[in-house]
Amino acid sequence: MGTRERPVGHKEMVALLKRLGFAQVRSNGSHEHWEGVYGGKRRLVTLDEHHSPYHRGLLRDIRNQIGISRSDFWSSV
């Protein structure tokens, strides 16, 4: 059986991005754009506060934008 990922709230995701060295570069309505370097590459992450808490599909997309593995993500949250 697979493990079920818990939803992650907007404030918790913002705290994670800040811990990883990301900074908010702009905001457009409910969308926030965060920029940082992870894994030696410049990354741009988009968060939409209206879709918080973030569930499985959005969490996968956010992890891909950050460039972080699933296990590293969950150990950092």
PDB file of N, CA and C in Angstrom:
ATOM      1  N   MET A   1       0.823  -1.178   0.000  1.00  0.00           N
ATOM      2  CA  MET A   1       0.000   0.000   0.000  1.00  0.00           C
ATOM      3  C   MET A   1       0.870   1.245   0.000  1.00  0.00           C
ATOM      4  N   GLY A   2       0.458   2.259  -0.778  1.00  0.00           N
ATOM      5  CA  GLY A   2       1.189   3.512  -0.817  1.00  0.00           C
ATOM      6  C   GLY A   2       0.874   4.366   0.399  1.00  0.00           C
ATOM      7  N   THR A   3       1.732   5.311   0.638  1.00  0.00           N
ATOM      8  CA  THR A   3       1.480   6.227   1.740  1.00  0.00           C
ATOM      9  C   THR A   3       0.681   7.406   1.212  1.00  0.00           C
ATOM     10  N   ARG A   4      -0.158   7.925   2.035  1.00  0.00           N
ATOM     11  CA  ARG A   4      -1.007   9.044   1.641  1.00  0.00           C
ATOM     12  C   ARG A   4      -0.337  10.337   2.090  1.00  0.00           C
ATOM     13  N   GLU A   5      -0.149  11.255   1.150  1.00  0.00           N
ATOM     14  CA  GLU A   5       0.468  12.538   1.483  1.00  0.00           C
ATOM     15  C   GLU A   5      -0.577  13.459   2.097  1.00  0.00           C
ATOM     16  N   ARG A   6      -0.188  14.133   3.143  1.00  0.00           N
ATOM     17  CA  ARG A   6      -1.101  15.077   3.777  1.00  0.00           C
ATOM     18  C   ARG A   6      -1.070  16.405   3.017  1.00  0.00           C
ATOM     19  N   PRO A   7      -2.154  17.153   3.045  1.00  0.00           N
ATOM     20  CA  PRO A   7      -2.161  18.476   2.414  1.00  0.00           C
ATOM     21  C   PRO A   7      -1.199  19.417   3.143  1.00  0.00           C
ATOM     22  N   VAL A   8      -0.647  20.365   2.419  1.00  0.00           N
ATOM     23  CA  VAL A   8       0.271  21.349   2.989  1.00  0.00           C
ATOM     24  C   VAL A   8      -0.345  22.726   2.783  1.00  0.00           C
ATOM     25  N   GLY A   9      -0.447  23.487   3.866  1.00  0.00           N
ATOM     26  CA  GLY A   9      -1.034  24.821   3.800  1.00  0.00           C
ATOM     27  C   GLY A   9      -0.092  25.840   3.179  1.00  0.00           C
ATOM     28  N   HIS A  10      -0.662  26.973   2.793  1.00  0.00           N
ATOM     29  CA  HIS A  10       0.112  28.029   2.133  1.00  0.00           C
ATOM     30  C   HIS A  10       1.233  28.558   3.029  1.00  0.00           C
ATOM     31  N   LYS A  11       0.915  28.842   4.290  1.00  0.00           N
ATOM     32  CA  LYS A  11       1.931  29.384   5.205  1.00  0.00           C
ATOM     33  C   LYS A  11       3.077  28.400   5.400  1.00  0.00           C
ATOM     34  N   GLU A  12       2.753  27.123   5.479  1.00  0.00           N
ATOM     35  CA  GLU A  12       3.776  26.094   5.646  1.00  0.00           C
ATOM     36  C   GLU A  12       4.658  26.002   4.398  1.00  0.00           C
ATOM     37  N   MET A  13       4.059  26.140   3.211  1.00  0.00           N
ATOM     38  CA  MET A  13       4.820  26.091   1.970  1.00  0.00           C
ATOM     39  C   MET A  13       5.732  27.310   1.848  1.00  0.00           C
ATOM     40  N   VAL A  14       5.226  28.474   2.231  1.00  0.00           N
ATOM     41  CA  VAL A  14       6.039  29.693   2.200  1.00  0.00           C
ATOM     42  C   VAL A  14       7.230  29.548   3.146  1.00  0.00           C
ATOM     43  N   ALA A  15       7.004  29.006   4.334  1.00  0.00           N
ATOM     44  CA  ALA A  15       8.093  28.797   5.294  1.00  0.00           C
ATOM     45  C   ALA A  15       9.142  27.848   4.719  1.00  0.00           C
ATOM     46  N   LEU A  16       8.708  26.799   4.027  1.00  0.00           N
ATOM     47  CA  LEU A  16       9.639  25.858   3.407  1.00  0.00           C
ATOM     48  C   LEU A  16      10.469  26.556   2.334  1.00  0.00           C
ATOM     49  N   LEU A  17       9.812  27.333   1.476  1.00  0.00           N
ATOM     50  CA  LEU A  17      10.545  28.037   0.418  1.00  0.00           C
ATOM     51  C   LEU A  17      11.589  28.983   1.011  1.00  0.00           C
ATOM     52  N   LYS A  18      11.229  29.689   2.070  1.00  0.00           N
ATOM     53  CA  LYS A  18      12.183  30.594   2.720  1.00  0.00           C
ATOM     54  C   LYS A  18      13.359  29.821   3.299  1.00  0.00           C
ATOM     55  N   ARG A  19      13.101  28.661   3.919  1.00  0.00           N
ATOM     56  CA  ARG A  19      14.189  27.837   4.466  1.00  0.00           C
ATOM     57  C   ARG A  19      15.124  27.352   3.367  1.00  0.00           C
ATOM     58  N   LEU A  20      14.571  27.128   2.176  1.00  0.00           N
ATOM     59  CA  LEU A  20      15.379  26.664   1.047  1.00  0.00           C
ATOM     60  C   LEU A  20      16.081  27.813   0.323  1.00  0.00           C
ATOM     61  N   GLY A  21      15.878  29.045   0.791  1.00  0.00           N
ATOM     62  CA  GLY A  21      16.569  30.192   0.210  1.00  0.00           C
ATOM     63  C   GLY A  21      15.810  30.907  -0.892  1.00  0.00           C
ATOM     64  N   PHE A  22      14.529  30.624  -1.042  1.00  0.00           N
ATOM     65  CA  PHE A  22      13.717  31.289  -2.055  1.00  0.00           C
ATOM     66  C   PHE A  22      13.212  32.621  -1.513  1.00  0.00           C
ATOM     67  N   ALA A  23      12.971  33.567  -2.431  1.00  0.00           N
ATOM     68  CA  ALA A  23      12.430  34.870  -2.064  1.00  0.00           C
ATOM     69  C   ALA A  23      11.282  35.203  -3.007  1.00  0.00           C
ATOM     70  N   GLN A  24      10.277  35.865  -2.483  1.00  0.00           N
ATOM     71  CA  GLN A  24       9.142  36.251  -3.322  1.00  0.00           C
ATOM     72  C   GLN A  24       9.578  37.397  -4.220  1.00  0.00           C
ATOM     73  N   VAL A  25       9.400  37.232  -5.526  1.00  0.00           N
ATOM     74  CA  VAL A  25       9.835  38.255  -6.472  1.00  0.00           C
ATOM     75  C   VAL A  25       8.678  39.095  -6.995  1.00  0.00           C
ATOM     76  N   ARG A  26       7.478  38.543  -7.007  1.00  0.00           N
ATOM     77  CA  ARG A  26       6.315  39.335  -7.410  1.00  0.00           C
ATOM     78  C   ARG A  26       5.033  38.609  -7.004  1.00  0.00           C
ATOM     79  N   SER A  27       3.963  39.381  -7.065  1.00  0.00           N
ATOM     80  CA  SER A  27       2.653  38.843  -6.735  1.00  0.00           C
ATOM     81  C   SER A  27       1.662  39.403  -7.743  1.00  0.00           C
ATOM     82  N   ASN A  28       0.791  38.537  -8.247  1.00  0.00           N
ATOM     83  CA  ASN A  28      -0.206  38.955  -9.227  1.00  0.00           C
ATOM     84  C   ASN A  28      -1.537  38.345  -8.799  1.00  0.00           C
ATOM     85  N   GLY A  29      -2.378  39.131  -8.168  1.00  0.00           N
ATOM     86  CA  GLY A  29      -3.633  38.596  -7.636  1.00  0.00           C
ATOM     87  C   GLY A  29      -3.331  37.607  -6.530  1.00  0.00           C
ATOM     88  N   SER A  30      -3.824  36.384  -6.677  1.00  0.00           N
ATOM     89  CA  SER A  30      -3.575  35.367  -5.657  1.00  0.00           C
ATOM     90  C   SER A  30      -2.310  34.565  -5.947  1.00  0.00           C
ATOM     91  N   HIS A  31      -1.667  34.816  -7.092  1.00  0.00           N
ATOM     92  CA  HIS A  31      -0.459  34.077  -7.458  1.00  0.00           C
ATOM     93  C   HIS A  31       0.787  34.779  -6.925  1.00  0.00           C
ATOM     94  N   GLU A  32       1.632  34.003  -6.262  1.00  0.00           N
ATOM     95  CA  GLU A  32       2.914  34.505  -5.777  1.00  0.00           C
ATOM     96  C   GLU A  32       4.012  33.788  -6.547  1.00  0.00           C
ATOM     97  N   HIS A  33       5.029  34.547  -6.956  1.00  0.00           N
ATOM     98  CA  HIS A  33       6.151  33.972  -7.687  1.00  0.00           C
ATOM     99  C   HIS A  33       7.389  34.051  -6.797  1.00  0.00           C
ATOM    100  N   TRP A  34       8.003  32.898  -6.585  1.00  0.00           N
ATOM    101  CA  TRP A  34       9.171  32.769  -5.727  1.00  0.00           C
ATOM    102  C   TRP A  34      10.356  32.327  -6.566  1.00  0.00           C
ATOM    103  N   GLU A  35      11.510  32.929  -6.309  1.00  0.00           N
ATOM    104  CA  GLU A  35      12.707  32.605  -7.067  1.00  0.00           C
ATOM    105  C   GLU A  35      13.816  32.199  -6.109  1.00  0.00           C
ATOM    106  N   GLY A  36      14.598  31.232  -6.540  1.00  0.00           N
ATOM    107  CA  GLY A  36      15.723  30.782  -5.736  1.00  0.00           C
ATOM    108  C   GLY A  36      16.598  29.842  -6.534  1.00  0.00           C
ATOM    109  N   VAL A  37      17.661  29.402  -5.906  1.00  0.00           N
ATOM    110  CA  VAL A  37      18.573  28.443  -6.526  1.00  0.00           C
ATOM    111  C   VAL A  37      18.511  27.167  -5.709  1.00  0.00           C
ATOM    112  N   TYR A  38      18.225  26.064  -6.385  1.00  0.00           N
ATOM    113  CA  TYR A  38      18.188  24.765  -5.720  1.00  0.00           C
ATOM    114  C   TYR A  38      18.817  23.754  -6.650  1.00  0.00           C
ATOM    115  N   GLY A  39      19.736  22.969  -6.129  1.00  0.00           N
ATOM    116  CA  GLY A  39      20.419  21.978  -6.954  1.00  0.00           C
ATOM    117  C   GLY A  39      21.293  22.619  -8.015  1.00  0.00           C
ATOM    118  N   GLY A  40      21.771  23.831  -7.738  1.00  0.00           N
ATOM    119  CA  GLY A  40      22.640  24.524  -8.676  1.00  0.00           C
ATOM    120  C   GLY A  40      21.919  25.181  -9.840  1.00  0.00           C
ATOM    121  N   LYS A  41      20.601  25.195  -9.816  1.00  0.00           N
ATOM    122  CA  LYS A  41      19.824  25.793 -10.902  1.00  0.00           C
ATOM    123  C   LYS A  41      18.883  26.858 -10.364  1.00  0.00           C
ATOM    124  N   ARG A  42      18.701  27.921 -11.149  1.00  0.00           N
ATOM    125  CA  ARG A  42      17.743  28.961 -10.798  1.00  0.00           C
ATOM    126  C   ARG A  42      16.342  28.394 -11.001  1.00  0.00           C
ATOM    127  N   ARG A  43      15.498  28.556 -10.008  1.00  0.00           N
ATOM    128  CA  ARG A  43      14.144  27.993 -10.040  1.00  0.00           C
ATOM    129  C   ARG A  43      13.109  29.089  -9.826  1.00  0.00           C
ATOM    130  N   LEU A  44      11.968  28.960 -10.495  1.00  0.00           N
ATOM    131  CA  LEU A  44      10.833  29.844 -10.290  1.00  0.00           C
ATOM    132  C   LEU A  44       9.647  28.984  -9.871  1.00  0.00           C
ATOM    133  N   VAL A  45       9.068  29.309  -8.722  1.00  0.00           N
ATOM    134  CA  VAL A  45       7.951  28.543  -8.160  1.00  0.00           C
ATOM    135  C   VAL A  45       6.742  29.468  -8.070  1.00  0.00           C
ATOM    136  N   THR A  46       5.604  28.991  -8.548  1.00  0.00           N
ATOM    137  CA  THR A  46       4.361  29.754  -8.487  1.00  0.00           C
ATOM    138  C   THR A  46       3.420  29.099  -7.485  1.00  0.00           C
ATOM    139  N   LEU A  47       2.937  29.901  -6.542  1.00  0.00           N
ATOM    140  CA  LEU A  47       1.960  29.433  -5.558  1.00  0.00           C
ATOM    141  C   LEU A  47       0.668  30.213  -5.749  1.00  0.00           C
ATOM    142  N   ASP A  48      -0.451  29.534  -5.658  1.00  0.00           N
ATOM    143  CA  ASP A  48      -1.761  30.164  -5.729  1.00  0.00           C
ATOM    144  C   ASP A  48      -2.452  29.931  -4.390  1.00  0.00           C
ATOM    145  N   GLU A  49      -2.522  30.988  -3.598  1.00  0.00           N
ATOM    146  CA  GLU A  49      -3.064  30.859  -2.243  1.00  0.00           C
ATOM    147  C   GLU A  49      -4.509  30.357  -2.242  1.00  0.00           C
ATOM    148  N   HIS A  50      -5.264  30.630  -3.303  1.00  0.00           N
ATOM    149  CA  HIS A  50      -6.661  30.196  -3.363  1.00  0.00           C
ATOM    150  C   HIS A  50      -6.794  28.678  -3.452  1.00  0.00           C
ATOM    151  N   HIS A  51      -5.726  27.978  -3.862  1.00  0.00           N
ATOM    152  CA  HIS A  51      -5.776  26.521  -3.946  1.00  0.00           C
ATOM    153  C   HIS A  51      -5.208  25.850  -2.693  1.00  0.00           C
ATOM    154  N   SER A  52      -4.918  26.652  -1.666  1.00  0.00           N
ATOM    155  CA  SER A  52      -4.412  26.107  -0.410  1.00  0.00           C
ATOM    156  C   SER A  52      -5.576  25.511   0.376  1.00  0.00           C
ATOM    157  N   PRO A  53      -5.405  24.416   1.079  1.00  0.00           N
ATOM    158  CA  PRO A  53      -4.168  23.644   1.194  1.00  0.00           C
ATOM    159  C   PRO A  53      -3.878  22.881  -0.100  1.00  0.00           C
ATOM    160  N   TYR A  54      -2.581  22.717  -0.345  1.00  0.00           N
ATOM    161  CA  TYR A  54      -2.129  22.061  -1.567  1.00  0.00           C
ATOM    162  C   TYR A  54      -2.189  20.549  -1.380  1.00  0.00           C
ATOM    163  N   HIS A  55      -2.823  19.884  -2.318  1.00  0.00           N
ATOM    164  CA  HIS A  55      -2.980  18.431  -2.270  1.00  0.00           C
ATOM    165  C   HIS A  55      -2.012  17.758  -3.229  1.00  0.00           C
ATOM    166  N   ARG A  56      -2.141  16.481  -3.371  1.00  0.00           N
ATOM    167  CA  ARG A  56      -1.203  15.608  -4.075  1.00  0.00           C
ATOM    168  C   ARG A  56      -0.710  16.148  -5.428  1.00  0.00           C
ATOM    169  N   GLY A  57      -1.625  16.475  -6.332  1.00  0.00           N
ATOM    170  CA  GLY A  57      -1.232  16.921  -7.667  1.00  0.00           C
ATOM    171  C   GLY A  57      -0.468  18.230  -7.650  1.00  0.00           C
ATOM    172  N   LEU A  58      -0.976  19.204  -6.895  1.00  0.00           N
ATOM    173  CA  LEU A  58      -0.285  20.489  -6.803  1.00  0.00           C
ATOM    174  C   LEU A  58       1.041  20.354  -6.071  1.00  0.00           C
ATOM    175  N   LEU A  59       1.094  19.510  -5.059  1.00  0.00           N
ATOM    176  CA  LEU A  59       2.360  19.294  -4.351  1.00  0.00           C
ATOM    177  C   LEU A  59       3.412  18.717  -5.289  1.00  0.00           C
ATOM    178  N   ARG A  60       3.002  17.791  -6.148  1.00  0.00           N
ATOM    179  CA  ARG A  60       3.931  17.216  -7.124  1.00  0.00           C
ATOM    180  C   ARG A  60       4.448  18.317  -8.060  1.00  0.00           C
ATOM    181  N   ASP A  61       3.551  19.177  -8.539  1.00  0.00           N
ATOM    182  CA  ASP A  61       3.952  20.263  -9.429  1.00  0.00           C
ATOM    183  C   ASP A  61       4.899  21.236  -8.732  1.00  0.00           C
ATOM    184  N   ILE A  62       4.604  21.572  -7.489  1.00  0.00           N
ATOM    185  CA  ILE A  62       5.458  22.489  -6.729  1.00  0.00           C
ATOM    186  C   ILE A  62       6.824  21.855  -6.489  1.00  0.00           C
ATOM    187  N   ARG A  63       6.851  20.567  -6.122  1.00  0.00           N
ATOM    188  CA  ARG A  63       8.134  19.865  -5.933  1.00  0.00           C
ATOM    189  C   ARG A  63       8.953  19.890  -7.217  1.00  0.00           C
ATOM    190  N   ASN A  64       8.302  19.682  -8.353  1.00  0.00           N
ATOM    191  CA  ASN A  64       9.005  19.713  -9.636  1.00  0.00           C
ATOM    192  C   ASN A  64       9.550  21.103  -9.934  1.00  0.00           C
ATOM    193  N   GLN A  65       8.801  22.148  -9.609  1.00  0.00           N
ATOM    194  CA  GLN A  65       9.277  23.511  -9.826  1.00  0.00           C
ATOM    195  C   GLN A  65      10.486  23.807  -8.944  1.00  0.00           C
ATOM    196  N   ILE A  66      10.464  23.314  -7.710  1.00  0.00           N
ATOM    197  CA  ILE A  66      11.598  23.506  -6.796  1.00  0.00           C
ATOM    198  C   ILE A  66      12.785  22.669  -7.244  1.00  0.00           C
ATOM    199  N   GLY A  67      12.508  21.476  -7.761  1.00  0.00           N
ATOM    200  CA  GLY A  67      13.575  20.555  -8.145  1.00  0.00           C
ATOM    201  C   GLY A  67      13.998  19.657  -7.001  1.00  0.00           C
ATOM    202  N   ILE A  68      13.110  19.469  -6.040  1.00  0.00           N
ATOM    203  CA  ILE A  68      13.409  18.689  -4.840  1.00  0.00           C
ATOM    204  C   ILE A  68      12.756  17.311  -4.956  1.00  0.00           C
ATOM    205  N   SER A  69      13.429  16.310  -4.431  1.00  0.00           N
ATOM    206  CA  SER A  69      12.860  14.964  -4.467  1.00  0.00           C
ATOM    207  C   SER A  69      11.706  14.862  -3.469  1.00  0.00           C
ATOM    208  N   ARG A  70      10.888  13.863  -3.670  1.00  0.00           N
ATOM    209  CA  ARG A  70       9.733  13.649  -2.791  1.00  0.00           C
ATOM    210  C   ARG A  70      10.184  13.427  -1.349  1.00  0.00           C
ATOM    211  N   SER A  71      11.191  12.582  -1.159  1.00  0.00           N
ATOM    212  CA  SER A  71      11.647  12.283   0.206  1.00  0.00           C
ATOM    213  C   SER A  71      12.286  13.508   0.862  1.00  0.00           C
ATOM    214  N   ASP A  72      13.079  14.280   0.105  1.00  0.00           N
ATOM    215  CA  ASP A  72      13.681  15.494   0.663  1.00  0.00           C
ATOM    216  C   ASP A  72      12.611  16.528   1.004  1.00  0.00           C
ATOM    217  N   PHE A  73      11.590  16.612   0.162  1.00  0.00           N
ATOM    218  CA  PHE A  73      10.495  17.546   0.422  1.00  0.00           C
ATOM    219  C   PHE A  73       9.824  17.221   1.750  1.00  0.00           C
ATOM    220  N   TRP A  74       9.451  15.946   1.936  1.00  0.00           N
ATOM    221  CA  TRP A  74       8.719  15.577   3.151  1.00  0.00           C
ATOM    222  C   TRP A  74       9.595  15.625   4.397  1.00  0.00           C
ATOM    223  N   SER A  75      10.896  15.470   4.249  1.00  0.00           N
ATOM    224  CA  SER A  75      11.759  15.607   5.426  1.00  0.00           C
ATOM    225  C   SER A  75      11.991  17.081   5.769  1.00  0.00           C
ATOM    226  N   SER A  76      11.727  17.986   4.808  1.00  0.00           N
ATOM    227  CA  SER A  76      11.910  19.422   5.033  1.00  0.00           C
ATOM    228  C   SER A  76      10.661  20.116   5.546  1.00  0.00           C
ATOM    229  N   VAL A  77       9.494  19.517   5.293  1.00  0.00           N
ATOM    230  CA  VAL A  77       8.223  20.170   5.678  1.00  0.00           C
ATOM    231  C   VAL A  77       8.027  20.100   7.165  1.00  0.00           C
TER     232      VAL A  77
END
